[in-house]
């Protein structure tokens, strides 16, 4: 159980810590187009990201794939830029029109999973219970993402309902801010 909790904490901190700004921005970009009543859709979205993240993390730890970290660190903010940019063109916010975010979450989760692979590769590969460690990490990751999502959805509700801001204006405001911060990361991390 200690091992599970160790990896759970690692997964949690991978999303919640101050060094996880890129992951927090990605979650903000993914969730910007949703409101509180869409919480079930957002839960599926976050889980799709975790699945993609977990897959490449496991493949990287097992040395099936290995991409130079400079390229991964560059590609991560690129995924955020693309996601935030795509939000700017959302107008209807119907389940059908925002379905693309599920694919973005899954596909870009694959890239994000490689970002932490180098740090965790040695620990997980040397552990006898690789599966338990990976499970703990992923559950911690999922819990951290859900915490960020709850904050974002509540903030969106406050802005939209409390301050009577149009939903589209909120999406543009949040997505534009995420886009700008992520674009700076892209330029800083150019390989």
Foldseek 3Di string as FASTA:
>chain_A
DVLLQVLLVVLQCCQPPPVNVLNLLQLLLLLLLDAPVCVVVSLLLLVLLLVLLLVLLVCVLVPVDADPLLVLLLVSLVLSLVSLVVLLPDDPSDCVSSVVSSVSSNVSSNSVSNNCNVVCSVVLNPDPCNVSSSVSSSNSNSVNSVVSSVVSNVVLCCVCVVVVDDSSVSSNVSSVVSNVVSVVSNVVSPD
